[in-house]
N, C-alpha and C. Protein backbone atom coordinates (compact mmCIF):
# COMPACT_ATOMS: atom_id res chain seq x y z
N MET A 1 -88.50 -102.73 8.46
CA MET A 1 -88.88 -102.70 9.86
C MET A 1 -87.88 -103.47 10.72
N THR A 2 -87.31 -104.54 10.21
CA THR A 2 -86.35 -105.34 10.96
C THR A 2 -85.12 -104.51 11.32
N GLN A 3 -84.68 -103.68 10.38
CA GLN A 3 -83.51 -102.82 10.65
C GLN A 3 -83.81 -101.90 11.83
N GLU A 4 -85.00 -101.33 11.90
CA GLU A 4 -85.37 -100.44 13.00
C GLU A 4 -85.38 -101.20 14.33
N LEU A 5 -85.93 -102.42 14.32
CA LEU A 5 -85.92 -103.24 15.55
C LEU A 5 -84.48 -103.57 15.94
N ASP A 6 -83.65 -103.90 14.97
CA ASP A 6 -82.24 -104.19 15.24
C ASP A 6 -81.55 -102.97 15.85
N ASN A 7 -81.83 -101.78 15.31
CA ASN A 7 -81.23 -100.54 15.82
C ASN A 7 -81.68 -100.27 17.25
N LYS A 8 -82.96 -100.48 17.54
CA LYS A 8 -83.48 -100.29 18.91
C LYS A 8 -82.80 -101.28 19.86
N ASP A 9 -82.75 -102.55 19.43
CA ASP A 9 -82.11 -103.57 20.26
C ASP A 9 -80.64 -103.25 20.51
N LEU A 10 -79.97 -102.74 19.50
CA LEU A 10 -78.56 -102.37 19.65
C LEU A 10 -78.41 -101.30 20.71
N MET A 11 -79.24 -100.26 20.70
CA MET A 11 -79.16 -99.20 21.70
C MET A 11 -79.37 -99.79 23.10
N LEU A 12 -80.38 -100.64 23.24
CA LEU A 12 -80.65 -101.25 24.55
C LEU A 12 -79.47 -102.10 25.00
N THR A 13 -78.87 -102.85 24.10
CA THR A 13 -77.72 -103.69 24.43
C THR A 13 -76.51 -102.86 24.83
N VAL A 14 -76.24 -101.80 24.06
CA VAL A 14 -75.08 -100.94 24.36
C VAL A 14 -75.26 -100.26 25.72
N VAL A 15 -76.46 -99.75 25.99
CA VAL A 15 -76.69 -99.05 27.26
C VAL A 15 -76.59 -100.04 28.42
N ALA A 16 -77.11 -101.24 28.27
CA ALA A 16 -77.00 -102.25 29.33
C ALA A 16 -75.52 -102.58 29.59
N GLY A 17 -74.74 -102.70 28.52
CA GLY A 17 -73.32 -102.95 28.68
C GLY A 17 -72.60 -101.78 29.33
N PHE A 18 -73.04 -100.59 28.98
CA PHE A 18 -72.47 -99.37 29.54
C PHE A 18 -72.68 -99.35 31.06
N LYS A 19 -73.90 -99.68 31.49
CA LYS A 19 -74.22 -99.68 32.92
C LYS A 19 -73.39 -100.71 33.66
N SER A 20 -73.22 -101.87 33.06
CA SER A 20 -72.50 -102.96 33.73
C SER A 20 -70.98 -102.83 33.57
N GLY A 21 -70.53 -101.89 32.75
CA GLY A 21 -69.10 -101.72 32.51
C GLY A 21 -68.53 -102.64 31.46
N LYS A 22 -69.41 -103.35 30.74
CA LYS A 22 -68.98 -104.23 29.65
C LYS A 22 -68.96 -103.42 28.36
N LEU A 23 -67.87 -102.73 28.13
CA LEU A 23 -67.82 -101.76 27.05
C LEU A 23 -67.61 -102.36 25.67
N ASP A 24 -67.34 -103.65 25.59
CA ASP A 24 -67.27 -104.28 24.26
C ASP A 24 -68.59 -104.11 23.54
N ALA A 25 -69.70 -104.07 24.29
CA ALA A 25 -71.02 -103.86 23.69
C ALA A 25 -71.08 -102.49 23.00
N LEU A 26 -70.29 -101.53 23.47
CA LEU A 26 -70.23 -100.21 22.85
C LEU A 26 -69.21 -100.17 21.73
N PHE A 27 -68.03 -100.70 21.97
CA PHE A 27 -66.95 -100.55 20.99
C PHE A 27 -67.17 -101.38 19.73
N ALA A 28 -67.79 -102.53 19.85
CA ALA A 28 -67.99 -103.40 18.68
C ALA A 28 -68.84 -102.75 17.58
N PRO A 29 -69.97 -102.04 17.91
CA PRO A 29 -70.82 -101.55 16.82
C PRO A 29 -70.51 -100.12 16.33
N ILE A 30 -69.42 -99.50 16.82
CA ILE A 30 -69.15 -98.15 16.34
C ILE A 30 -68.31 -98.21 15.06
N ARG A 31 -68.56 -97.26 14.18
CA ARG A 31 -67.78 -97.15 12.95
C ARG A 31 -66.41 -96.56 13.28
N ALA A 32 -65.44 -96.84 12.46
CA ALA A 32 -64.09 -96.29 12.65
C ALA A 32 -64.10 -94.77 12.61
N ASP A 33 -65.03 -94.20 11.84
CA ASP A 33 -65.10 -92.73 11.70
C ASP A 33 -66.24 -92.12 12.52
N VAL A 34 -66.65 -92.80 13.60
CA VAL A 34 -67.76 -92.32 14.42
C VAL A 34 -67.50 -90.92 14.96
N VAL A 35 -68.57 -90.14 15.05
CA VAL A 35 -68.53 -88.81 15.66
C VAL A 35 -69.37 -88.91 16.94
N TRP A 36 -68.76 -88.64 18.07
CA TRP A 36 -69.39 -88.84 19.39
C TRP A 36 -69.49 -87.50 20.08
N LYS A 37 -70.72 -87.01 20.28
CA LYS A 37 -70.92 -85.68 20.86
C LYS A 37 -71.62 -85.82 22.21
N VAL A 38 -71.07 -85.14 23.21
CA VAL A 38 -71.68 -85.10 24.53
C VAL A 38 -71.93 -83.63 24.83
N MET A 39 -73.21 -83.26 24.88
CA MET A 39 -73.59 -81.87 25.05
C MET A 39 -73.50 -81.47 26.53
N ALA A 40 -72.25 -81.32 26.98
CA ALA A 40 -71.98 -80.91 28.36
C ALA A 40 -70.68 -80.12 28.33
N PRO A 41 -70.62 -79.00 29.04
CA PRO A 41 -69.41 -78.17 29.01
C PRO A 41 -68.23 -78.86 29.70
N ARG A 42 -67.11 -78.90 29.01
CA ARG A 42 -65.90 -79.56 29.55
C ARG A 42 -65.38 -78.90 30.82
N GLU A 43 -65.72 -77.64 31.03
CA GLU A 43 -65.28 -76.97 32.25
C GLU A 43 -65.85 -77.65 33.49
N PHE A 44 -67.01 -78.29 33.34
CA PHE A 44 -67.70 -78.92 34.46
C PHE A 44 -67.74 -80.45 34.35
N PHE A 45 -67.71 -80.96 33.13
CA PHE A 45 -67.79 -82.39 32.86
C PHE A 45 -66.64 -82.75 31.93
N ARG A 46 -65.61 -83.39 32.50
CA ARG A 46 -64.41 -83.70 31.72
C ARG A 46 -64.71 -84.52 30.47
N PHE A 47 -65.80 -85.29 30.50
CA PHE A 47 -66.15 -86.17 29.38
C PHE A 47 -66.98 -85.46 28.33
N GLY A 48 -67.32 -84.19 28.53
CA GLY A 48 -68.13 -83.43 27.58
C GLY A 48 -67.35 -83.12 26.32
N GLY A 49 -68.09 -82.77 25.27
CA GLY A 49 -67.43 -82.32 24.05
C GLY A 49 -67.58 -83.27 22.88
N LEU A 50 -66.65 -83.17 21.96
CA LEU A 50 -66.69 -83.87 20.68
C LEU A 50 -65.50 -84.83 20.59
N TYR A 51 -65.80 -86.07 20.19
CA TYR A 51 -64.79 -87.11 20.05
C TYR A 51 -64.91 -87.73 18.67
N HIS A 52 -63.78 -88.20 18.15
CA HIS A 52 -63.76 -88.82 16.81
C HIS A 52 -63.13 -90.20 16.89
N GLY A 53 -63.76 -91.15 16.20
CA GLY A 53 -63.20 -92.50 16.07
C GLY A 53 -63.25 -93.30 17.35
N ALA A 54 -62.82 -94.56 17.22
CA ALA A 54 -62.82 -95.47 18.36
C ALA A 54 -61.93 -94.95 19.49
N ALA A 55 -60.79 -94.38 19.15
CA ALA A 55 -59.90 -93.84 20.18
C ALA A 55 -60.59 -92.72 20.96
N GLY A 56 -61.36 -91.89 20.26
CA GLY A 56 -62.10 -90.82 20.92
C GLY A 56 -63.16 -91.35 21.87
N VAL A 57 -63.87 -92.39 21.42
CA VAL A 57 -64.92 -92.97 22.27
C VAL A 57 -64.29 -93.65 23.49
N LYS A 58 -63.13 -94.24 23.33
CA LYS A 58 -62.44 -94.84 24.48
C LYS A 58 -61.97 -93.76 25.45
N GLU A 59 -61.51 -92.63 24.94
CA GLU A 59 -61.12 -91.51 25.80
C GLU A 59 -62.34 -91.01 26.57
N TYR A 60 -63.46 -90.84 25.87
CA TYR A 60 -64.72 -90.40 26.51
C TYR A 60 -65.11 -91.34 27.65
N THR A 61 -65.11 -92.66 27.39
CA THR A 61 -65.56 -93.60 28.44
C THR A 61 -64.58 -93.57 29.62
N ALA A 62 -63.29 -93.46 29.37
CA ALA A 62 -62.32 -93.40 30.46
C ALA A 62 -62.57 -92.17 31.33
N LEU A 63 -62.84 -91.04 30.70
CA LEU A 63 -63.12 -89.81 31.45
C LEU A 63 -64.43 -89.92 32.25
N LEU A 64 -65.46 -90.44 31.59
CA LEU A 64 -66.76 -90.58 32.26
C LEU A 64 -66.66 -91.50 33.47
N PHE A 65 -66.09 -92.69 33.28
CA PHE A 65 -66.04 -93.67 34.36
C PHE A 65 -65.05 -93.30 35.46
N SER A 66 -64.13 -92.39 35.19
CA SER A 66 -63.22 -91.94 36.27
C SER A 66 -63.99 -91.06 37.26
N ASP A 67 -65.07 -90.43 36.82
CA ASP A 67 -65.86 -89.56 37.71
C ASP A 67 -67.19 -90.15 38.14
N TYR A 68 -67.75 -91.10 37.38
CA TYR A 68 -69.10 -91.61 37.68
C TYR A 68 -69.14 -93.13 37.62
N HIS A 69 -69.95 -93.69 38.53
CA HIS A 69 -70.25 -95.12 38.50
C HIS A 69 -71.77 -95.25 38.44
N PHE A 70 -72.28 -95.87 37.38
CA PHE A 70 -73.73 -95.96 37.19
C PHE A 70 -74.35 -97.02 38.10
N ALA A 71 -75.33 -96.59 38.86
CA ALA A 71 -76.14 -97.49 39.69
C ALA A 71 -77.38 -97.91 38.93
N ARG A 72 -77.85 -97.03 38.06
CA ARG A 72 -79.06 -97.32 37.28
C ARG A 72 -78.96 -96.61 35.93
N LEU A 73 -79.41 -97.29 34.91
CA LEU A 73 -79.49 -96.71 33.56
C LEU A 73 -80.60 -97.48 32.85
N ASN A 74 -81.83 -97.12 33.17
CA ASN A 74 -83.00 -97.87 32.72
C ASN A 74 -83.69 -97.17 31.56
N PRO A 75 -84.06 -97.93 30.53
CA PRO A 75 -84.75 -97.32 29.39
C PRO A 75 -86.15 -96.85 29.76
N LEU A 76 -86.46 -95.63 29.37
CA LEU A 76 -87.82 -95.10 29.47
C LEU A 76 -88.54 -95.29 28.14
N THR A 77 -87.83 -94.98 27.07
CA THR A 77 -88.36 -95.21 25.72
C THR A 77 -87.20 -95.25 24.73
N VAL A 78 -87.32 -96.11 23.75
CA VAL A 78 -86.36 -96.18 22.64
C VAL A 78 -87.18 -96.34 21.37
N THR A 79 -86.87 -95.51 20.39
CA THR A 79 -87.60 -95.57 19.12
C THR A 79 -86.61 -95.43 17.97
N ALA A 80 -86.99 -95.96 16.84
CA ALA A 80 -86.12 -95.89 15.66
C ALA A 80 -86.95 -95.63 14.42
N LYS A 81 -86.35 -94.90 13.51
CA LYS A 81 -86.96 -94.69 12.19
C LYS A 81 -85.81 -94.65 11.20
N GLY A 82 -85.80 -95.59 10.30
CA GLY A 82 -84.71 -95.65 9.33
C GLY A 82 -83.39 -95.84 10.04
N ASP A 83 -82.44 -94.97 9.75
CA ASP A 83 -81.10 -95.06 10.34
C ASP A 83 -80.96 -94.19 11.58
N GLU A 84 -82.06 -93.72 12.16
CA GLU A 84 -82.00 -92.89 13.36
C GLU A 84 -82.64 -93.61 14.53
N VAL A 85 -81.98 -93.48 15.69
CA VAL A 85 -82.47 -94.11 16.93
C VAL A 85 -82.42 -93.06 18.02
N TRP A 86 -83.50 -92.99 18.81
CA TRP A 86 -83.57 -92.07 19.94
C TRP A 86 -83.91 -92.88 21.18
N GLY A 87 -83.32 -92.48 22.29
CA GLY A 87 -83.62 -93.15 23.56
C GLY A 87 -83.60 -92.19 24.71
N LEU A 88 -84.49 -92.44 25.67
CA LEU A 88 -84.49 -91.72 26.95
C LEU A 88 -84.24 -92.74 28.03
N PHE A 89 -83.31 -92.43 28.95
CA PHE A 89 -82.91 -93.35 29.98
C PHE A 89 -82.90 -92.67 31.34
N ASP A 90 -83.46 -93.35 32.34
CA ASP A 90 -83.44 -92.89 33.71
C ASP A 90 -82.10 -93.30 34.29
N ALA A 91 -81.27 -92.33 34.67
CA ALA A 91 -79.91 -92.62 35.11
C ALA A 91 -79.71 -92.17 36.56
N GLU A 92 -78.98 -92.99 37.28
CA GLU A 92 -78.49 -92.62 38.60
C GLU A 92 -77.05 -93.08 38.69
N ALA A 93 -76.18 -92.19 39.14
CA ALA A 93 -74.77 -92.53 39.18
C ALA A 93 -74.13 -91.93 40.44
N LEU A 94 -73.13 -92.65 40.92
CA LEU A 94 -72.32 -92.14 42.02
C LEU A 94 -71.28 -91.20 41.42
N HIS A 95 -71.29 -89.94 41.88
CA HIS A 95 -70.26 -88.98 41.47
C HIS A 95 -69.08 -89.20 42.42
N ARG A 96 -68.06 -89.84 41.93
CA ARG A 96 -66.95 -90.27 42.78
C ARG A 96 -66.30 -89.12 43.57
N PRO A 97 -66.01 -87.96 42.94
CA PRO A 97 -65.33 -86.90 43.69
C PRO A 97 -66.12 -86.40 44.90
N SER A 98 -67.45 -86.31 44.79
CA SER A 98 -68.26 -85.79 45.91
C SER A 98 -68.83 -86.88 46.79
N GLY A 99 -68.89 -88.11 46.28
CA GLY A 99 -69.52 -89.19 47.03
C GLY A 99 -71.03 -89.13 47.01
N ARG A 100 -71.60 -88.28 46.17
CA ARG A 100 -73.05 -88.12 46.08
C ARG A 100 -73.61 -88.86 44.87
N TYR A 101 -74.85 -89.30 45.03
CA TYR A 101 -75.56 -89.90 43.90
C TYR A 101 -76.31 -88.81 43.17
N VAL A 102 -76.26 -88.83 41.86
CA VAL A 102 -76.96 -87.86 41.01
C VAL A 102 -77.92 -88.61 40.09
N ARG A 103 -79.04 -87.95 39.81
CA ARG A 103 -80.04 -88.54 38.91
C ARG A 103 -80.32 -87.59 37.77
N SER A 104 -80.61 -88.16 36.62
CA SER A 104 -80.97 -87.37 35.45
C SER A 104 -81.61 -88.28 34.41
N VAL A 105 -82.35 -87.68 33.52
CA VAL A 105 -82.80 -88.39 32.34
C VAL A 105 -81.77 -88.09 31.25
N VAL A 106 -81.24 -89.15 30.65
CA VAL A 106 -80.23 -89.02 29.59
C VAL A 106 -80.92 -89.28 28.27
N SER A 107 -80.71 -88.38 27.33
CA SER A 107 -81.27 -88.52 25.99
C SER A 107 -80.15 -88.87 25.02
N LEU A 108 -80.35 -89.94 24.25
CA LEU A 108 -79.37 -90.35 23.26
C LEU A 108 -79.99 -90.29 21.86
N TYR A 109 -79.19 -89.83 20.93
CA TYR A 109 -79.56 -89.87 19.51
C TYR A 109 -78.41 -90.55 18.78
N TRP A 110 -78.77 -91.53 17.95
CA TRP A 110 -77.77 -92.20 17.11
C TRP A 110 -78.18 -92.08 15.64
N ARG A 111 -77.18 -91.89 14.80
CA ARG A 111 -77.35 -92.04 13.37
C ARG A 111 -76.54 -93.27 12.98
N MET A 112 -77.22 -94.21 12.37
CA MET A 112 -76.60 -95.47 11.98
C MET A 112 -76.17 -95.40 10.51
N LYS A 113 -75.14 -96.17 10.15
CA LYS A 113 -74.72 -96.31 8.76
C LYS A 113 -74.22 -97.73 8.61
N ASP A 114 -74.81 -98.45 7.68
CA ASP A 114 -74.41 -99.84 7.43
C ASP A 114 -74.49 -100.70 8.70
N GLY A 115 -75.51 -100.44 9.53
CA GLY A 115 -75.73 -101.23 10.73
C GLY A 115 -74.82 -100.92 11.90
N ARG A 116 -74.05 -99.83 11.78
CA ARG A 116 -73.12 -99.45 12.84
C ARG A 116 -73.37 -98.01 13.25
N ILE A 117 -72.92 -97.64 14.46
CA ILE A 117 -73.14 -96.29 14.97
C ILE A 117 -72.16 -95.34 14.30
N ALA A 118 -72.71 -94.37 13.55
CA ALA A 118 -71.89 -93.38 12.85
C ALA A 118 -71.79 -92.08 13.65
N GLU A 119 -72.83 -91.80 14.45
CA GLU A 119 -72.87 -90.55 15.21
C GLU A 119 -73.70 -90.76 16.46
N GLN A 120 -73.24 -90.17 17.54
CA GLN A 120 -74.05 -90.10 18.75
C GLN A 120 -74.08 -88.67 19.25
N GLN A 121 -75.23 -88.28 19.78
CA GLN A 121 -75.38 -87.05 20.53
C GLN A 121 -76.05 -87.41 21.85
N MET A 122 -75.48 -86.95 22.95
CA MET A 122 -76.03 -87.22 24.27
C MET A 122 -76.34 -85.91 24.97
N PHE A 123 -77.52 -85.87 25.58
CA PHE A 123 -77.97 -84.69 26.31
C PHE A 123 -78.43 -85.11 27.70
N PHE A 124 -78.20 -84.24 28.69
CA PHE A 124 -78.77 -84.41 30.02
C PHE A 124 -78.81 -83.05 30.68
N ASP A 125 -79.53 -82.93 31.78
CA ASP A 125 -79.70 -81.65 32.48
C ASP A 125 -78.44 -81.37 33.29
N THR A 126 -77.50 -80.70 32.68
CA THR A 126 -76.20 -80.46 33.31
C THR A 126 -76.33 -79.62 34.57
N ALA A 127 -77.19 -78.61 34.58
CA ALA A 127 -77.33 -77.75 35.76
C ALA A 127 -77.84 -78.56 36.95
N SER A 128 -78.83 -79.41 36.72
CA SER A 128 -79.36 -80.24 37.79
C SER A 128 -78.27 -81.17 38.35
N VAL A 129 -77.51 -81.79 37.47
CA VAL A 129 -76.45 -82.70 37.92
C VAL A 129 -75.41 -81.92 38.73
N LEU A 130 -75.02 -80.73 38.27
CA LEU A 130 -74.05 -79.92 39.01
C LEU A 130 -74.59 -79.55 40.39
N MET A 131 -75.88 -79.23 40.50
CA MET A 131 -76.48 -78.92 41.80
C MET A 131 -76.45 -80.15 42.71
N GLN A 132 -76.81 -81.31 42.16
CA GLN A 132 -76.83 -82.54 42.95
C GLN A 132 -75.45 -82.92 43.45
N GLN A 133 -74.42 -82.60 42.67
CA GLN A 133 -73.03 -82.90 43.05
C GLN A 133 -72.50 -81.92 44.08
N GLY A 134 -73.21 -80.80 44.24
CA GLY A 134 -72.72 -79.76 45.14
C GLY A 134 -71.79 -78.78 44.47
N ASP A 135 -71.73 -78.79 43.13
CA ASP A 135 -70.85 -77.91 42.38
C ASP A 135 -71.53 -76.62 41.92
N LEU A 136 -72.82 -76.51 42.13
CA LEU A 136 -73.56 -75.32 41.70
C LEU A 136 -74.61 -75.04 42.76
N ALA A 137 -74.51 -73.87 43.36
CA ALA A 137 -75.47 -73.47 44.39
C ALA A 137 -76.42 -72.44 43.81
N VAL A 138 -77.67 -72.54 44.20
CA VAL A 138 -78.66 -71.57 43.78
C VAL A 138 -78.91 -70.62 44.95
N GLU A 139 -78.70 -69.36 44.70
CA GLU A 139 -78.89 -68.36 45.76
C GLU A 139 -80.30 -67.82 45.70
N ALA A 140 -80.89 -67.63 46.87
CA ALA A 140 -82.25 -67.05 46.93
C ALA A 140 -82.18 -65.59 46.54
N ALA A 141 -83.17 -65.15 45.81
CA ALA A 141 -83.20 -63.76 45.35
C ALA A 141 -83.63 -62.81 46.44
């Protein structure tokens, strides 16, 4: 049970560091062979796609933070079972290119190995974010 609490605490710590821009909280617990997946099309989100290793995660964060500044990234729920951790976070970020604030619930899944992050998958409502940014218009039928 302690491992599960440690894993939950790690996710909360990493996300808090992510919001504040203190990325050492993210880089310290990732494995050298980490697989980092962001389920967002690269055509619309430069940070979307698949990244490998610490260099890949650093590339991802550089791309993400060049377009977005997080105003809020609050945990809604975080749960862990064994080496798996899931979290839902209420996010609000300034989309730098448009100057608009966008909101979404971000879902994170981690697979841990030896107390370190071996895999991440991140999901969010990409269509809603694109609409909020002004990059996707919905036409009336």
